[in-house]
Amino acid sequence: MIQALNNIQHQLYVLPTRRDEFVKEIATKGKVQNFQSQIYRKDKSIIWISENARLVYDKDNQPIYYEGTVEDINDLKNHAVEIEHQATHDHLTGLPNRYILNDRLQQSINFAHRYQSMLAVVFVDLDQFKLINDSMGHSVGDQLLVSVSQLISNNVREIDTVVRLGGDEFVILIPNVHNQEDIEHSLARLLHHLSIPLTINNFNFTVTCSMGVSVYPNDGKDPDTLLKNADSAMFKAKHAGRNNYQFFTPELNDILTDRFNLEYKLRHGVEHDEFILHYQPKYNLMTGDICGAEALIRWQPQDEALIYPLTFIQIAEETGLIVKIGQWVLETACRKAKQLHTLTGRNLPIAVNVSPKQFRQSNFVQIVKDALTHSGLAPASLELEITENIMIDDTPKFIETLHQLKLIGVKLSLDDFGTGYSSLSYLKDFPIDQLKIDRTFISAIEEDNANMSILKAIVFLGQSLGLGVVAEGVETQFQHDFLLSVGCDEVQGYFFSKPLAEHHFDALILQH
């Protein structure tokens, strides 16, 4: 082998300049230590070696040859490369991970700056992945993520970078584009291919995604800003109905800033008990008597105007704060219902809205029991209003929880009836006491005869199933008279009374 080498620089070293570097270092220092290089073996395969050598001199102090050792470090080097790859790539999909995202993104920014081009940063979040993962198992979820990552990688350019951040979140870097139409074309192609059903374990899954886009240089000139703005735009895509892409805008930034500030204030409000309840009385249509009330939350920050639920309930749901807020409402309403019973000697049930996140708590039934016990309220004086949409995710669990609540003795009302799932086949299985007709059907009966027919049908359905029927949002004499004529049991709305602060509500009860 050695005799066949007449040009070590090119015949032995994969990188020819390594020989010059070896000679230069040994000439300068008199030796080399752990000098690592890739070399060709006799069969032309490539391995890594480590050289330790020194220069040997003759009696006249002239260099005559190199003396040292050569160690095969190929396995060690490959192991180090493997460890580095594992540290910088996602173990499931093989895609680059968040640890090298900033480096790749900075390189793309430098390229865009140098060549006066645009760079798109796309934040991708799969729609409803958690539902699939929880219902079908993590094995199916993992296979789905692998398939999606391959779909994305196969439908971007070679110069684009696809990164998996974790979970069902991906980032795509699209460099060297010159107008927004190029970006939109790429994203439309991705949405199309991702909407094609994937077959896993003989099941077909259609996975859509929500994508948010920020563009260098208009939406940011550093990695953190571009990523933050792409993430913000992704949330806009989620709220726009999913399965779409949205570009970041300065207006969106203002909206998100306002939302962040509101969330911060809301957390402060929860910690400092800034909430109050107003009560809207419910009336028996036949007798005209007050027969109960609905507890409605209001937020009263110190030295500020009253804030109504439409402003903050969605944020409370998204952040999970609704669980603590809902428990406070439940406990406060129970104490109020007990106080009303003591004050009037009458059973005036108070209705409390239960959010989907509250209802899905594993200990929700126990929370209700505790609220009743601590307040001393009879279960029949508490009415829980539950929307139909809760049942979509897990109908058996939904029905089981309803039965457990019914065993306690509380009243159960199906709220916003007619706008949600509305499956009559399931309705017969619900141990509920009342149907509460959504206000959208009430408000249009004077202009729309179809709504009058729907109202008649709902009242007839409720009576056929032995359920009470409550109409909310009653605001006119015509609505009152029509509901009375079709046999509706209870009503509430501005025609009778708006929601009242506690002391005004007490005065109304005493007056009646």
Protein backbone atom coordinates (compact mmCIF):
# COMPACT_ATOMS: atom_id res chain seq x y z
CA MET A 1 0.00 0.00 0.00
CA ILE A 2 2.68 2.49 1.04
CA GLN A 3 4.82 1.65 -1.98
CA ALA A 4 1.87 2.35 -4.28
CA LEU A 5 1.52 5.88 -2.91
CA ASN A 6 3.45 8.35 -4.97
CA ASN A 7 1.15 11.28 -4.22
CA ILE A 8 -0.04 11.06 -0.62
CA GLN A 9 -1.80 14.40 -0.79
CA HIS A 10 -4.27 13.22 -3.42
CA GLN A 11 -4.18 9.44 -3.19
CA LEU A 12 -4.59 9.15 0.57
CA TYR A 13 -6.42 12.21 1.87
CA VAL A 14 -10.04 12.83 0.89
CA LEU A 15 -9.36 16.53 1.40
CA PRO A 16 -5.93 17.11 -0.28
CA THR A 17 -5.19 20.25 1.71
CA ARG A 18 -5.06 18.20 4.90
CA ARG A 19 -1.57 16.98 3.94
CA ASP A 20 -0.34 20.56 3.65
CA GLU A 21 -1.92 21.37 7.01
CA PHE A 22 -0.22 18.32 8.54
CA VAL A 23 3.19 19.38 7.21
CA LYS A 24 2.72 23.01 8.27
CA GLU A 25 1.67 22.12 11.82
CA ILE A 26 4.51 19.68 12.35
CA ALA A 27 6.99 22.18 10.95
CA THR A 28 5.74 24.85 13.32
CA LYS A 29 5.31 22.79 16.46
CA GLY A 30 7.59 19.87 15.80
CA LYS A 31 4.71 17.46 16.26
CA VAL A 32 1.00 16.90 15.68
CA GLN A 33 -1.52 15.45 18.12
CA ASN A 34 -4.94 14.03 17.39
CA PHE A 35 -4.79 15.28 13.80
CA GLN A 36 -8.09 14.02 12.37
CA SER A 37 -8.69 13.46 8.67
CA GLN A 38 -10.72 11.37 6.28
CA ILE A 39 -8.64 9.03 4.12
CA TYR A 40 -9.18 6.47 1.37
CA ARG A 41 -8.70 2.82 2.17
CA LYS A 42 -7.33 0.40 -0.40
CA ASP A 43 -10.86 -0.53 -1.50
CA LYS A 44 -11.60 3.20 -1.95
CA SER A 45 -13.93 3.31 1.08
CA ILE A 46 -13.49 6.29 3.38
CA ILE A 47 -12.63 6.21 7.06
CA TRP A 48 -11.61 8.68 9.74
CA ILE A 49 -8.13 8.48 11.28
CA SER A 50 -6.29 10.30 14.06
CA GLU A 51 -2.55 10.90 13.65
CA ASN A 52 0.03 11.57 16.31
CA ALA A 53 3.49 12.24 14.88
CA ARG A 54 6.78 14.00 15.41
CA LEU A 55 9.64 15.01 13.19
CA VAL A 56 12.80 12.87 13.46
CA TYR A 57 16.17 14.55 12.84
CA ASP A 58 19.59 13.11 11.87
CA LYS A 59 22.88 13.80 13.68
CA ASP A 60 23.22 17.05 11.77
CA ASN A 61 19.78 18.16 13.03
CA GLN A 62 18.23 17.79 9.63
CA PRO A 63 14.67 16.38 9.39
CA ILE A 64 14.67 12.92 7.84
CA TYR A 65 11.18 11.43 8.44
CA TYR A 66 7.97 11.51 10.47
CA GLU A 67 7.48 9.06 13.30
CA GLY A 68 4.16 8.37 14.98
CA THR A 69 0.93 6.42 15.11
CA VAL A 70 -2.27 6.32 13.10
CA GLU A 71 -5.50 5.29 14.81
CA ASP A 72 -8.73 4.27 13.11
CA ILE A 73 -11.41 6.44 14.76
CA ASN A 74 -14.14 5.77 12.23
CA ASP A 75 -16.57 4.16 14.68
CA LEU A 76 -15.97 6.90 17.24
CA LYS A 77 -16.45 9.62 14.64
CA ASN A 78 -19.62 8.06 13.25
CA HIS A 79 -20.99 7.73 16.77
CA ALA A 80 -20.29 11.41 17.40
CA VAL A 81 -22.00 12.30 14.12
CA GLU A 82 -24.97 10.17 15.15
CA ILE A 83 -25.17 11.86 18.55
CA GLU A 84 -24.99 15.29 16.90
CA HIS A 85 -27.73 14.30 14.46
CA GLN A 86 -29.93 13.09 17.30
CA ALA A 87 -29.41 16.38 19.12
CA THR A 88 -30.33 18.47 16.10
CA HIS A 89 -33.04 16.35 14.47
CA ASP A 90 -36.44 15.10 15.53
CA HIS A 91 -36.20 11.43 16.49
CA LEU A 92 -39.66 10.59 15.10
CA THR A 93 -39.71 12.32 11.71
CA GLY A 94 -36.00 12.86 11.08
CA LEU A 95 -36.63 16.54 10.38
CA PRO A 96 -34.38 19.28 11.81
CA ASN A 97 -35.63 20.33 15.23
CA ARG A 98 -35.91 23.63 17.10
CA TYR A 99 -32.26 23.50 18.20
CA ILE A 100 -31.01 24.32 14.72
CA LEU A 101 -34.01 26.36 13.58
CA ASN A 102 -32.50 29.70 14.62
CA ASP A 103 -29.25 28.91 12.80
CA ARG A 104 -31.06 27.95 9.59
CA LEU A 105 -33.34 30.95 9.91
CA GLN A 106 -30.43 33.34 10.44
CA GLN A 107 -28.68 31.92 7.36
CA SER A 108 -31.86 32.44 5.34
CA ILE A 109 -32.15 36.02 6.62
CA ASN A 110 -28.51 36.72 5.63
CA PHE A 111 -29.16 35.31 2.15
CA ALA A 112 -32.34 37.36 1.72
CA HIS A 113 -30.52 40.51 2.85
CA ARG A 114 -27.58 39.92 0.52
CA TYR A 115 -29.67 39.21 -2.57
CA GLN A 116 -32.57 41.58 -1.80
CA SER A 117 -35.12 38.78 -1.83
CA MET A 118 -37.97 37.80 0.48
CA LEU A 119 -38.06 35.02 3.03
CA ALA A 120 -41.30 33.43 4.22
CA VAL A 121 -41.50 31.84 7.67
CA VAL A 122 -44.52 29.54 7.88
CA PHE A 123 -45.82 28.26 11.22
CA VAL A 124 -47.89 25.08 10.66
CA ASP A 125 -50.26 23.52 13.21
CA LEU A 126 -52.31 20.42 12.42
CA ASP A 127 -56.05 20.75 12.96
CA GLN A 128 -57.72 18.37 15.44
CA PHE A 129 -54.56 16.27 15.84
CA LYS A 130 -55.08 15.99 19.60
CA LEU A 131 -58.51 14.47 19.02
CA ILE A 132 -57.04 11.80 16.70
CA ASN A 133 -54.10 11.16 19.02
CA ASP A 134 -56.31 10.78 22.09
CA SER A 135 -59.00 8.67 20.43
CA MET A 136 -56.84 6.41 18.23
CA GLY A 137 -53.73 6.15 20.37
CA HIS A 138 -50.21 7.57 20.25
CA SER A 139 -49.00 4.92 17.80
CA VAL A 140 -51.46 6.09 15.17
CA GLY A 141 -50.67 9.70 16.07
CA ASP A 142 -46.95 9.09 15.55
CA GLN A 143 -47.53 7.41 12.19
CA LEU A 144 -49.71 10.32 11.19
CA LEU A 145 -46.98 12.82 12.12
CA VAL A 146 -44.41 10.87 10.08
CA SER A 147 -46.73 10.78 7.06
CA VAL A 148 -47.51 14.50 7.35
CA SER A 149 -43.82 15.40 7.67
CA GLN A 150 -43.09 13.40 4.51
CA LEU A 151 -45.96 15.08 2.69
CA ILE A 152 -44.69 18.52 3.64
CA SER A 153 -41.07 17.67 2.76
CA ASN A 154 -42.11 16.21 -0.61
CA ASN A 155 -44.06 19.31 -1.56
CA VAL A 156 -41.52 22.04 -0.89
CA ARG A 157 -38.45 23.00 -2.91
CA GLU A 158 -35.01 21.56 -2.23
CA ILE A 159 -33.83 24.91 -0.89
CA ASP A 160 -36.73 25.12 1.58
CA THR A 161 -36.31 23.89 5.16
CA VAL A 162 -38.95 21.95 7.10
CA VAL A 163 -38.55 21.86 10.90
CA ARG A 164 -40.60 20.00 13.49
CA LEU A 165 -40.90 22.04 16.66
CA GLY A 166 -42.64 19.28 18.59
CA GLY A 167 -46.13 17.84 18.91
CA ASP A 168 -48.08 18.76 15.78
CA GLU A 169 -46.21 22.01 15.11
CA PHE A 170 -43.90 22.56 12.14
CA VAL A 171 -42.03 25.52 10.67
CA ILE A 172 -41.23 25.91 6.97
CA LEU A 173 -38.58 28.34 5.75
CA ILE A 174 -39.17 29.44 2.15
CA PRO A 175 -36.18 31.55 0.99
CA ASN A 176 -35.47 33.30 -2.30
CA VAL A 177 -38.99 34.40 -3.19
CA HIS A 178 -39.72 37.74 -4.84
CA ASN A 179 -43.44 38.34 -4.33
CA GLN A 180 -46.36 37.23 -2.18
CA GLU A 181 -47.90 35.29 -5.05
CA ASP A 182 -44.95 32.86 -4.98
CA ILE A 183 -45.58 32.22 -1.30
CA GLU A 184 -49.32 31.79 -1.77
CA HIS A 185 -48.73 29.31 -4.58
CA SER A 186 -46.49 27.20 -2.33
CA LEU A 187 -48.98 27.27 0.55
CA ALA A 188 -51.98 26.45 -1.66
CA ARG A 189 -50.10 23.43 -2.99
CA LEU A 190 -49.34 22.30 0.57
CA LEU A 191 -52.96 22.67 1.69
CA HIS A 192 -54.11 20.62 -1.29
CA HIS A 193 -51.71 17.73 -0.67
CA LEU A 194 -52.34 17.71 3.07
CA SER A 195 -56.09 17.40 2.49
CA ILE A 196 -55.65 14.05 0.69
CA PRO A 197 -56.71 11.22 3.07
CA LEU A 198 -53.92 9.23 4.69
CA THR A 199 -54.40 5.51 5.37
CA ILE A 200 -53.04 4.26 8.69
CA ASN A 201 -53.97 0.85 10.14
CA ASN A 202 -56.78 0.57 7.58
CA PHE A 203 -58.30 3.87 8.72
CA ASN A 204 -58.48 6.93 6.47
CA PHE A 205 -57.55 10.22 8.11
CA THR A 206 -58.00 13.60 6.51
CA VAL A 207 -55.61 16.02 8.17
CA THR A 208 -55.92 19.72 7.55
CA CYS A 209 -53.66 22.40 8.92
CA SER A 210 -53.65 26.06 9.87
CA MET A 211 -50.69 28.09 8.65
CA GLY A 212 -49.43 31.51 9.66
CA VAL A 213 -46.93 33.41 7.55
CA SER A 214 -44.48 36.19 8.34
CA VAL A 215 -42.27 37.64 5.62
CA TYR A 216 -38.77 39.10 5.85
CA PRO A 217 -38.08 42.01 5.87
CA ASN A 218 -41.53 43.59 6.33
CA ASP A 219 -42.67 41.47 9.29
CA GLY A 220 -39.37 41.25 11.12
CA LYS A 221 -35.62 41.22 10.59
CA ASP A 222 -34.54 38.73 13.23
CA PRO A 223 -35.47 35.09 13.92
CA ASP A 224 -37.44 35.70 17.12
CA THR A 225 -39.67 38.38 15.61
CA LEU A 226 -40.38 36.41 12.44
CA LEU A 227 -41.26 33.28 14.39
CA LYS A 228 -43.45 35.18 16.86
CA ASN A 229 -45.35 36.91 14.06
CA ALA A 230 -45.81 33.68 12.07
CA ASP A 231 -47.16 32.02 15.22
CA SER A 232 -49.59 34.92 15.70
CA ALA A 233 -50.80 34.61 12.12
CA MET A 234 -51.33 30.87 12.66
CA PHE A 235 -53.73 31.60 15.52
CA LYS A 236 -55.58 33.93 13.16
CA ALA A 237 -55.89 31.00 10.73
CA LYS A 238 -57.31 28.83 13.53
CA HIS A 239 -59.94 31.42 14.36
CA ALA A 240 -60.74 31.85 10.66
CA GLY A 241 -62.03 28.28 10.55
CA ARG A 242 -58.83 26.21 10.18
CA ASN A 243 -57.55 24.62 6.93
CA ASN A 244 -56.27 27.95 5.63
CA TYR A 245 -53.26 30.26 5.76
CA GLN A 246 -53.08 33.83 7.02
CA PHE A 247 -50.37 36.45 6.60
CA PHE A 248 -49.21 38.52 9.52
CA THR A 249 -50.36 42.15 9.55
CA PRO A 250 -49.60 45.07 11.88
CA GLU A 251 -53.31 45.15 12.74
CA LEU A 252 -53.07 41.53 13.84
CA ASN A 253 -50.19 42.49 16.11
CA ASP A 254 -52.36 45.16 17.73
CA ILE A 255 -55.18 42.65 18.24
CA LEU A 256 -52.82 40.11 19.80
CA THR A 257 -51.28 42.75 22.02
CA ASP A 258 -54.75 43.70 23.23
CA ARG A 259 -55.55 40.03 23.78
CA PHE A 260 -52.35 39.50 25.76
CA ASN A 261 -53.13 42.50 27.94
CA LEU A 262 -56.68 41.27 28.48
CA GLU A 263 -55.41 37.79 29.41
CA TYR A 264 -52.98 39.35 31.89
CA LYS A 265 -55.79 41.41 33.44
CA LEU A 266 -58.05 38.37 33.51
CA ARG A 267 -55.51 36.34 35.47
CA HIS A 268 -55.23 39.24 37.88
CA GLY A 269 -59.03 39.36 38.11
CA VAL A 270 -59.23 35.66 38.96
CA GLU A 271 -56.56 36.00 41.65
CA HIS A 272 -58.21 39.06 43.22
CA ASP A 273 -61.90 38.04 43.04
CA GLU A 274 -62.99 40.77 40.65
CA PHE A 275 -66.13 38.94 39.46
CA ILE A 276 -69.74 39.44 40.39
CA LEU A 277 -72.99 37.76 39.40
CA HIS A 278 -76.05 39.37 37.93
CA TYR A 279 -79.34 37.48 37.91
CA GLN A 280 -81.98 37.41 35.22
CA PRO A 281 -85.35 36.20 36.52
CA LYS A 282 -87.25 33.46 34.74
CA TYR A 283 -91.05 33.60 34.62
CA ASN A 284 -93.72 30.94 34.49
CA LEU A 285 -95.72 31.86 31.37
CA MET A 286 -99.03 30.56 32.68
CA THR A 287 -98.97 32.30 36.08
CA GLY A 288 -96.61 35.20 35.44
CA ASP A 289 -94.70 34.37 38.63
CA ILE A 290 -90.94 34.39 38.99
CA CYS A 291 -89.93 30.73 39.02
CA GLY A 292 -86.16 30.98 39.12
CA ALA A 293 -83.21 32.89 37.68
CA GLU A 294 -80.09 32.51 35.58
CA ALA A 295 -76.76 33.54 37.09
CA LEU A 296 -74.71 35.60 34.63
CA ILE A 297 -71.10 36.52 35.31
CA ARG A 298 -69.73 40.06 35.08
CA TRP A 299 -66.15 41.23 35.53
CA GLN A 300 -65.63 44.36 37.62
CA PRO A 301 -61.95 45.42 37.63
CA GLN A 302 -61.15 47.98 40.28
CA ASP A 303 -61.93 51.55 39.17
CA GLU A 304 -62.99 50.39 35.70
CA ALA A 305 -66.23 49.87 33.82
CA LEU A 306 -68.10 46.59 34.04
CA ILE A 307 -66.90 43.99 31.50
CA TYR A 308 -69.41 41.59 29.95
CA PRO A 309 -68.75 37.91 29.21
CA LEU A 310 -68.51 38.23 25.42
CA THR A 311 -65.27 40.14 25.98
CA PHE A 312 -63.49 37.58 28.12
CA ILE A 313 -65.17 34.15 28.15
CA GLN A 314 -63.40 32.89 25.02
CA ILE A 315 -60.01 33.84 26.44
CA ALA A 316 -60.97 32.16 29.72
CA GLU A 317 -61.80 28.99 27.77
CA GLU A 318 -58.56 29.03 25.76
CA THR A 319 -56.36 29.62 28.79
CA GLY A 320 -58.16 27.19 31.10
CA LEU A 321 -59.08 29.99 33.51
CA ILE A 322 -62.72 29.10 32.87
CA VAL A 323 -62.34 26.13 35.24
CA LYS A 324 -61.58 28.31 38.25
CA ILE A 325 -64.05 31.00 37.17
CA GLY A 326 -66.78 28.42 36.61
CA GLN A 327 -66.25 26.88 40.02
CA TRP A 328 -66.57 30.31 41.62
CA VAL A 329 -69.82 30.94 39.72
CA LEU A 330 -71.20 27.57 40.81
CA GLU A 331 -70.36 28.10 44.49
CA THR A 332 -71.62 31.71 44.51
CA ALA A 333 -74.89 30.80 42.77
CA CYS A 334 -75.51 27.97 45.24
CA ARG A 335 -75.05 30.33 48.17
CA LYS A 336 -77.43 32.82 46.53
CA ALA A 337 -80.09 30.18 45.90
CA LYS A 338 -79.85 29.11 49.56
CA GLN A 339 -80.19 32.77 50.63
CA LEU A 340 -83.29 33.18 48.44
CA HIS A 341 -84.89 30.11 49.98
CA THR A 342 -84.24 31.47 53.45
CA LEU A 343 -85.53 34.92 52.44
CA THR A 344 -88.73 33.83 50.69
CA GLY A 345 -89.42 30.30 51.87
CA ARG A 346 -89.81 29.38 48.19
CA ASN A 347 -87.77 27.06 46.00
CA LEU A 348 -86.32 29.37 43.31
CA PRO A 349 -83.75 27.39 41.30
CA ILE A 350 -80.77 29.30 39.98
CA ALA A 351 -79.36 28.21 36.63
CA VAL A 352 -75.60 28.15 36.03
CA ASN A 353 -73.93 27.81 32.63
CA VAL A 354 -71.36 25.02 32.50
CA SER A 355 -68.51 25.40 30.01
CA PRO A 356 -67.27 22.41 27.97
CA LYS A 357 -63.90 22.50 29.74
CA GLN A 358 -65.61 22.46 33.15
CA PHE A 359 -67.91 19.61 32.21
CA ARG A 360 -65.00 17.46 31.00
CA GLN A 361 -63.19 17.66 34.34
CA SER A 362 -62.88 14.18 35.80
CA ASN A 363 -64.01 15.50 39.21
CA PHE A 364 -66.82 17.77 37.99
CA VAL A 365 -69.56 15.75 39.71
CA GLN A 366 -67.67 15.98 43.01
CA ILE A 367 -67.25 19.76 42.54
CA VAL A 368 -71.03 20.09 42.21
CA LYS A 369 -71.57 17.95 45.32
CA ASP A 370 -69.13 20.07 47.30
CA ALA A 371 -70.82 23.33 46.21
CA LEU A 372 -74.19 22.00 47.37
CA THR A 373 -72.80 20.71 50.67
CA HIS A 374 -70.91 23.91 51.55
CA SER A 375 -73.91 26.12 50.79
CA GLY A 376 -76.51 23.83 52.33
CA LEU A 377 -78.60 24.12 49.17
CA ALA A 378 -81.11 21.44 48.22
CA PRO A 379 -79.98 19.88 44.88
CA ALA A 380 -83.35 20.64 43.24
CA SER A 381 -82.61 24.37 43.60
CA LEU A 382 -79.58 24.16 41.31
CA GLU A 383 -79.99 24.00 37.56
CA LEU A 384 -77.00 23.27 35.31
CA GLU A 385 -77.21 24.55 31.74
CA ILE A 386 -75.14 22.43 29.36
CA THR A 387 -74.74 23.01 25.62
CA GLU A 388 -75.29 20.24 23.11
CA ASN A 389 -71.83 20.74 21.60
CA ILE A 390 -70.17 19.20 24.66
CA MET A 391 -71.34 15.78 23.55
CA ILE A 392 -69.61 15.81 20.16
CA ASP A 393 -66.19 14.76 21.46
CA ASP A 394 -67.25 11.95 23.79
CA THR A 395 -70.94 11.14 23.86
CA PRO A 396 -70.77 8.09 26.21
CA LYS A 397 -68.80 10.08 28.79
CA PHE A 398 -71.20 13.02 28.35
CA ILE A 399 -74.23 10.83 29.07
CA GLU A 400 -72.52 9.09 31.99
CA THR A 401 -71.75 12.44 33.64
CA LEU A 402 -75.34 13.58 33.11
CA HIS A 403 -76.63 10.46 34.86
CA GLN A 404 -74.27 11.01 37.79
CA LEU A 405 -75.48 14.60 38.15
CA LYS A 406 -79.08 13.46 37.93
CA LEU A 407 -78.47 11.03 40.78
CA ILE A 408 -77.44 13.97 42.93
CA GLY A 409 -80.83 15.56 42.27
CA VAL A 410 -79.85 18.75 40.41
CA LYS A 411 -81.93 19.97 37.46
CA LEU A 412 -80.35 19.63 34.01
CA SER A 413 -81.08 21.93 31.10
CA LEU A 414 -79.92 21.55 27.51
CA ASP A 415 -78.93 25.11 26.56
CA ASP A 416 -78.98 26.74 23.11
CA PHE A 417 -81.17 23.91 21.86
CA GLY A 418 -81.45 23.79 18.08
CA THR A 419 -78.06 25.33 17.31
CA GLY A 420 -75.74 22.47 18.23
CA TYR A 421 -75.62 18.74 17.66
CA SER A 422 -79.40 18.32 17.93
CA SER A 423 -79.46 14.55 17.43
CA LEU A 424 -82.90 13.32 18.38
CA SER A 425 -81.57 9.77 18.62
CA TYR A 426 -79.30 10.88 21.46
CA LEU A 427 -81.82 13.21 23.06
CA LYS A 428 -83.90 10.30 24.35
CA ASP A 429 -80.84 9.09 26.31
CA PHE A 430 -80.25 12.38 28.08
CA PRO A 431 -81.55 12.49 31.68
CA ILE A 432 -82.41 16.17 31.33
CA ASP A 433 -85.29 18.22 32.69
CA GLN A 434 -85.52 21.11 30.25
CA LEU A 435 -84.83 22.27 26.72
CA LYS A 436 -83.75 25.89 26.51
CA ILE A 437 -84.54 27.37 23.11
CA ASP A 438 -81.79 29.57 21.71
CA ARG A 439 -82.61 33.26 21.39
CA THR A 440 -81.90 33.24 17.62
CA PHE A 441 -85.18 31.41 17.04
CA ILE A 442 -87.10 33.87 19.24
CA SER A 443 -85.76 37.10 17.78
CA ALA A 444 -86.91 36.43 14.20
CA ILE A 445 -90.40 34.99 14.63
CA GLU A 446 -92.09 38.26 13.73
CA GLU A 447 -90.38 38.31 10.33
CA ASP A 448 -89.85 34.62 9.62
CA ASN A 449 -92.73 32.14 9.65
CA ALA A 450 -90.26 29.25 9.47
CA ASN A 451 -88.95 30.13 12.93
CA MET A 452 -92.49 30.05 14.26
CA SER A 453 -92.82 26.49 12.95
CA ILE A 454 -89.49 25.53 14.51
CA LEU A 455 -90.56 26.91 17.88
CA LYS A 456 -93.83 24.98 17.76
CA ALA A 457 -91.91 21.80 16.92
CA ILE A 458 -89.41 22.27 19.77
CA VAL A 459 -92.17 22.90 22.31
CA PHE A 460 -94.09 19.86 21.07
CA LEU A 461 -90.90 17.75 21.18
CA GLY A 462 -90.14 18.81 24.73
CA GLN A 463 -93.66 18.11 25.94
CA SER A 464 -93.66 14.71 24.18
CA LEU A 465 -90.51 13.76 26.05
CA GLY A 466 -91.83 15.07 29.36
CA LEU A 467 -89.40 17.99 29.41
CA GLY A 468 -89.94 21.59 30.37
CA VAL A 469 -89.30 24.18 27.65
CA VAL A 470 -87.69 27.55 28.38
CA ALA A 471 -87.36 30.41 25.89
CA GLU A 472 -84.64 33.03 26.35
CA GLY A 473 -84.28 36.42 24.74
CA VAL A 474 -87.99 37.31 24.85
CA GLU A 475 -88.20 41.04 24.14
CA THR A 476 -91.65 41.87 22.70
CA GLN A 477 -95.32 41.35 23.47
CA PHE A 478 -95.72 39.43 20.21
CA GLN A 479 -92.99 36.96 21.21
CA HIS A 480 -94.58 36.58 24.65
CA ASP A 481 -98.03 35.94 23.25
CA PHE A 482 -96.83 33.47 20.63
CA LEU A 483 -94.81 31.44 23.16
CA LEU A 484 -97.81 31.37 25.48
CA SER A 485 -100.03 30.16 22.63
CA VAL A 486 -97.76 27.22 21.77
CA GLY A 487 -97.46 26.09 25.40
CA CYS A 488 -93.93 27.17 26.30
CA ASP A 489 -93.39 26.71 30.04
CA GLU A 490 -90.90 29.41 31.09
CA VAL A 491 -89.40 32.56 29.60
CA GLN A 492 -86.71 35.11 30.31
CA GLY A 493 -85.65 38.24 28.50
CA TYR A 494 -85.75 42.03 28.45
CA PHE A 495 -89.55 42.03 28.00
CA PHE A 496 -89.68 40.97 31.66
CA SER A 497 -86.36 42.04 33.13
CA LYS A 498 -82.75 42.54 32.14
CA PRO A 499 -80.07 40.79 34.24
CA LEU A 500 -79.95 42.60 37.58
CA ALA A 501 -77.25 43.32 40.12
CA GLU A 502 -77.79 41.29 43.28
CA HIS A 503 -79.46 43.99 45.39
CA HIS A 504 -81.86 44.95 42.55
CA PHE A 505 -82.69 41.28 42.02
CA ASP A 506 -83.41 40.83 45.73
CA ALA A 507 -85.73 43.85 45.63
CA LEU A 508 -87.59 42.39 42.66
CA ILE A 509 -88.02 39.03 44.40
CA LEU A 510 -89.38 40.67 47.56
CA GLN A 511 -91.74 42.80 45.48
CA HIS A 512 -93.19 39.68 43.86
